[in-house]
Amino acid sequence: MIISFFVLLVSYANYPDDVLVYASGVSEPVTYLSRDSVFYIALGFFVLINSAPIGIGAVLKKLPSETILTRAGLGITQIFANLFLAADVHFLSILNSRENFNYANFGYLIYVTGVLMIISIGFTLIARFVLKK
């Protein structure tokens, strides 16, 4: 959680005034957002990712004790969601730098963190509904 927030702050400091958030297949700029808009959107996701397990955990405490695996799954999902957010924010920072990077070399990281997040959500659902006693 702290690392994700640190990446968000460092990336925000490196963003230009207009942040490129979408480019066409031939790397032509399509959509720009202001630097502050990108920061507040990412900050909103950060707050949502890190506060949702608290509310969900409060509901799970009222359920029977076999939901222990579900609470662990929520923690794992929160970790991977923070990793996904940090990878996305950092990718935008690299995309908007004025250097000539080959994005194909590290673009897969966004997909890997997304798949890990989906797996952790799947683990949570399996633990909740399939592994009940």
C-alpha atoms as a PDB file:
ATOM      1  CA  MET A   1       0.000   0.000   0.000  1.00  0.00           C
ATOM      2  CA  ILE A   2       2.773   2.434   0.881  1.00  0.00           C
ATOM      3  CA  ILE A   3       4.753   1.528  -2.230  1.00  0.00           C
ATOM      4  CA  SER A   4       1.709   2.073  -4.431  1.00  0.00           C
ATOM      5  CA  PHE A   5       1.133   5.507  -2.886  1.00  0.00           C
ATOM      6  CA  PHE A   6       4.826   6.370  -3.296  1.00  0.00           C
ATOM      7  CA  VAL A   7       4.706   5.388  -6.993  1.00  0.00           C
ATOM      8  CA  LEU A   8       1.603   7.562  -7.378  1.00  0.00           C
ATOM      9  CA  LEU A   9       3.344  10.596  -5.863  1.00  0.00           C
ATOM     10  CA  VAL A  10       6.587  10.151  -7.807  1.00  0.00           C
ATOM     11  CA  SER A  11       4.715   9.635 -11.065  1.00  0.00           C
ATOM     12  CA  TYR A  12       2.576  12.708 -10.408  1.00  0.00           C
ATOM     13  CA  ALA A  13       5.730  14.775  -9.950  1.00  0.00           C
ATOM     14  CA  ASN A  14       7.018  13.572 -13.342  1.00  0.00           C
ATOM     15  CA  TYR A  15       3.801  14.075 -15.338  1.00  0.00           C
ATOM     16  CA  PRO A  16       3.640  16.937 -17.842  1.00  0.00           C
ATOM     17  CA  ASP A  17       0.730  19.398 -17.643  1.00  0.00           C
ATOM     18  CA  ASP A  18      -1.244  17.379 -20.215  1.00  0.00           C
ATOM     19  CA  VAL A  19      -0.904  13.633 -19.671  1.00  0.00           C
ATOM     20  CA  LEU A  20      -1.284  11.291 -22.614  1.00  0.00           C
ATOM     21  CA  VAL A  21      -3.629   8.514 -21.476  1.00  0.00           C
ATOM     22  CA  TYR A  22      -4.527   6.906 -24.804  1.00  0.00           C
ATOM     23  CA  ALA A  23      -2.536   6.507 -28.022  1.00  0.00           C
ATOM     24  CA  SER A  24      -3.574   4.882 -31.271  1.00  0.00           C
ATOM     25  CA  GLY A  25      -2.007   1.693 -32.619  1.00  0.00           C
ATOM     26  CA  VAL A  26       0.602   3.728 -34.492  1.00  0.00           C
ATOM     27  CA  SER A  27       1.531   5.710 -31.363  1.00  0.00           C
ATOM     28  CA  GLU A  28      -0.335   8.855 -32.331  1.00  0.00           C
ATOM     29  CA  PRO A  29      -1.762  10.741 -29.323  1.00  0.00           C
ATOM     30  CA  VAL A  30      -5.533  10.410 -28.999  1.00  0.00           C
ATOM     31  CA  THR A  31      -6.610  11.420 -25.488  1.00  0.00           C
ATOM     32  CA  TYR A  32      -5.029  13.781 -22.990  1.00  0.00           C
ATOM     33  CA  LEU A  33      -6.097  14.573 -19.431  1.00  0.00           C
ATOM     34  CA  SER A  34      -4.779  17.251 -17.141  1.00  0.00           C
ATOM     35  CA  ARG A  35      -2.103  16.257 -14.685  1.00  0.00           C
ATOM     36  CA  ASP A  36      -4.357  16.942 -11.704  1.00  0.00           C
ATOM     37  CA  SER A  37      -7.233  14.911 -13.173  1.00  0.00           C
ATOM     38  CA  VAL A  38      -5.009  11.863 -13.593  1.00  0.00           C
ATOM     39  CA  PHE A  39      -3.727  12.265 -10.040  1.00  0.00           C
ATOM     40  CA  TYR A  40      -7.187  12.587  -8.479  1.00  0.00           C
ATOM     41  CA  ILE A  41      -8.592   9.676 -10.487  1.00  0.00           C
ATOM     42  CA  ALA A  42      -5.673   7.478  -9.434  1.00  0.00           C
ATOM     43  CA  LEU A  43      -5.990   8.710  -5.839  1.00  0.00           C
ATOM     44  CA  GLY A  44      -9.700   7.841  -5.893  1.00  0.00           C
ATOM     45  CA  PHE A  45      -8.893   4.307  -7.021  1.00  0.00           C
ATOM     46  CA  PHE A  46      -6.188   4.096  -4.346  1.00  0.00           C
ATOM     47  CA  VAL A  47      -8.648   5.097  -1.615  1.00  0.00           C
ATOM     48  CA  LEU A  48     -11.280   2.685  -2.957  1.00  0.00           C
ATOM     49  CA  ILE A  49      -8.821  -0.215  -3.183  1.00  0.00           C
ATOM     50  CA  ASN A  50      -7.574   0.305   0.356  1.00  0.00           C
ATOM     51  CA  SER A  51     -10.851   1.139   2.092  1.00  0.00           C
ATOM     52  CA  ALA A  52     -13.163  -1.448   0.492  1.00  0.00           C
ATOM     53  CA  PRO A  53     -11.619  -4.403   2.393  1.00  0.00           C
ATOM     54  CA  ILE A  54     -12.329  -2.615   5.665  1.00  0.00           C
ATOM     55  CA  GLY A  55     -16.054  -2.413   4.903  1.00  0.00           C
ATOM     56  CA  ILE A  56     -16.179  -5.909   3.458  1.00  0.00           C
ATOM     57  CA  GLY A  57     -14.206  -7.207   6.446  1.00  0.00           C
ATOM     58  CA  ALA A  58     -16.750  -5.713   8.832  1.00  0.00           C
ATOM     59  CA  VAL A  59     -19.494  -7.632   7.051  1.00  0.00           C
ATOM     60  CA  LEU A  60     -17.417 -10.822   7.055  1.00  0.00           C
ATOM     61  CA  LYS A  61     -16.887 -10.602  10.834  1.00  0.00           C
ATOM     62  CA  LYS A  62     -20.618 -11.125  11.283  1.00  0.00           C
ATOM     63  CA  LEU A  63     -20.492 -14.337   9.229  1.00  0.00           C
ATOM     64  CA  PRO A  64     -19.437 -17.770  10.524  1.00  0.00           C
ATOM     65  CA  SER A  65     -15.786 -18.582  11.130  1.00  0.00           C
ATOM     66  CA  GLU A  66     -15.307 -20.502   7.859  1.00  0.00           C
ATOM     67  CA  THR A  67     -14.841 -17.154   6.135  1.00  0.00           C
ATOM     68  CA  ILE A  68     -11.232 -16.911   7.360  1.00  0.00           C
ATOM     69  CA  LEU A  69     -10.015 -17.879   3.902  1.00  0.00           C
ATOM     70  CA  THR A  70     -12.182 -15.170   2.419  1.00  0.00           C
ATOM     71  CA  ARG A  71     -10.562 -12.541   4.646  1.00  0.00           C
ATOM     72  CA  ALA A  72      -7.135 -13.770   3.546  1.00  0.00           C
ATOM     73  CA  GLY A  73      -8.327 -13.617  -0.051  1.00  0.00           C
ATOM     74  CA  LEU A  74      -9.397 -10.004   0.447  1.00  0.00           C
ATOM     75  CA  GLY A  75      -5.922  -9.132   1.677  1.00  0.00           C
ATOM     76  CA  ILE A  76      -4.309 -10.828  -1.295  1.00  0.00           C
ATOM     77  CA  THR A  77      -6.710  -9.077  -3.666  1.00  0.00           C
ATOM     78  CA  GLN A  78      -5.862  -5.737  -2.063  1.00  0.00           C
ATOM     79  CA  ILE A  79      -2.136  -6.366  -2.553  1.00  0.00           C
ATOM     80  CA  PHE A  80      -2.548  -7.230  -6.227  1.00  0.00           C
ATOM     81  CA  ALA A  81      -4.921  -4.308  -6.817  1.00  0.00           C
ATOM     82  CA  ASN A  82      -2.290  -1.953  -5.369  1.00  0.00           C
ATOM     83  CA  LEU A  83       0.340  -3.573  -7.581  1.00  0.00           C
ATOM     84  CA  PHE A  84      -1.932  -3.128 -10.618  1.00  0.00           C
ATOM     85  CA  LEU A  85      -2.534   0.538  -9.781  1.00  0.00           C
ATOM     86  CA  ALA A  86       1.197   1.182  -9.285  1.00  0.00           C
ATOM     87  CA  ALA A  87       2.028  -0.510 -12.604  1.00  0.00           C
ATOM     88  CA  ASP A  88      -0.604   1.532 -14.452  1.00  0.00           C
ATOM     89  CA  VAL A  89       0.433   4.853 -12.936  1.00  0.00           C
ATOM     90  CA  HIS A  90       4.102   4.151 -13.597  1.00  0.00           C
ATOM     91  CA  PHE A  91       3.325   3.093 -17.170  1.00  0.00           C
ATOM     92  CA  LEU A  92       1.606   6.445 -17.756  1.00  0.00           C
ATOM     93  CA  SER A  93       4.676   8.167 -16.351  1.00  0.00           C
ATOM     94  CA  ILE A  94       6.961   6.305 -18.748  1.00  0.00           C
ATOM     95  CA  LEU A  95       4.573   6.845 -21.659  1.00  0.00           C
ATOM     96  CA  ASN A  96       4.631  10.597 -21.054  1.00  0.00           C
ATOM     97  CA  SER A  97       8.381  10.881 -20.661  1.00  0.00           C
ATOM     98  CA  ARG A  98      10.085  12.426 -23.628  1.00  0.00           C
ATOM     99  CA  GLU A  99      12.472   9.500 -24.093  1.00  0.00           C
ATOM    100  CA  ASN A 100      12.186   6.892 -26.825  1.00  0.00           C
ATOM    101  CA  PHE A 101      11.215   3.676 -25.039  1.00  0.00           C
ATOM    102  CA  ASN A 102      10.218   0.373 -26.580  1.00  0.00           C
ATOM    103  CA  TYR A 103       6.958  -0.182 -24.690  1.00  0.00           C
ATOM    104  CA  ALA A 104       6.684  -3.769 -25.904  1.00  0.00           C
ATOM    105  CA  ASN A 105       9.503  -4.722 -23.521  1.00  0.00           C
ATOM    106  CA  PHE A 106       7.561  -3.918 -20.352  1.00  0.00           C
ATOM    107  CA  GLY A 107       3.941  -3.442 -21.402  1.00  0.00           C
ATOM    108  CA  TYR A 108       3.227  -7.041 -20.399  1.00  0.00           C
ATOM    109  CA  LEU A 109       3.528  -6.033 -16.725  1.00  0.00           C
ATOM    110  CA  ILE A 110       0.098  -4.417 -16.842  1.00  0.00           C
ATOM    111  CA  TYR A 111      -1.405  -7.651 -18.140  1.00  0.00           C
ATOM    112  CA  VAL A 112       0.494  -9.781 -15.599  1.00  0.00           C
ATOM    113  CA  THR A 113      -0.689  -7.676 -12.650  1.00  0.00           C
ATOM    114  CA  GLY A 114      -4.237  -7.722 -14.029  1.00  0.00           C
ATOM    115  CA  VAL A 115      -4.191 -11.511 -14.325  1.00  0.00           C
ATOM    116  CA  LEU A 116      -2.800 -11.826 -10.786  1.00  0.00           C
ATOM    117  CA  MET A 117      -5.599  -9.592  -9.505  1.00  0.00           C
ATOM    118  CA  ILE A 118      -8.228 -11.701 -11.302  1.00  0.00           C
ATOM    119  CA  ILE A 119      -6.685 -14.884  -9.881  1.00  0.00           C
ATOM    120  CA  SER A 120      -6.794 -13.447  -6.363  1.00  0.00           C
ATOM    121  CA  ILE A 121     -10.451 -12.453  -6.793  1.00  0.00           C
ATOM    122  CA  GLY A 122     -11.141 -15.967  -8.071  1.00  0.00           C
ATOM    123  CA  PHE A 123      -9.359 -17.400  -5.038  1.00  0.00           C
ATOM    124  CA  THR A 124     -11.560 -15.292  -2.783  1.00  0.00           C
ATOM    125  CA  LEU A 125     -14.728 -16.517  -4.482  1.00  0.00           C
ATOM    126  CA  ILE A 126     -13.588 -20.140  -4.412  1.00  0.00           C
ATOM    127  CA  ALA A 127     -12.696 -19.853  -0.737  1.00  0.00           C
ATOM    128  CA  ARG A 128     -16.057 -18.326   0.034  1.00  0.00           C
ATOM    129  CA  PHE A 129     -18.410 -20.565  -1.887  1.00  0.00           C
ATOM    130  CA  VAL A 130     -16.629 -23.829  -2.701  1.00  0.00           C
ATOM    131  CA  LEU A 131     -14.435 -24.569   0.299  1.00  0.00           C
ATOM    132  CA  LYS A 132     -17.157 -24.006   2.907  1.00  0.00           C
ATOM    133  CA  LYS A 133     -17.669 -26.859   5.317  1.00  0.00           C
END
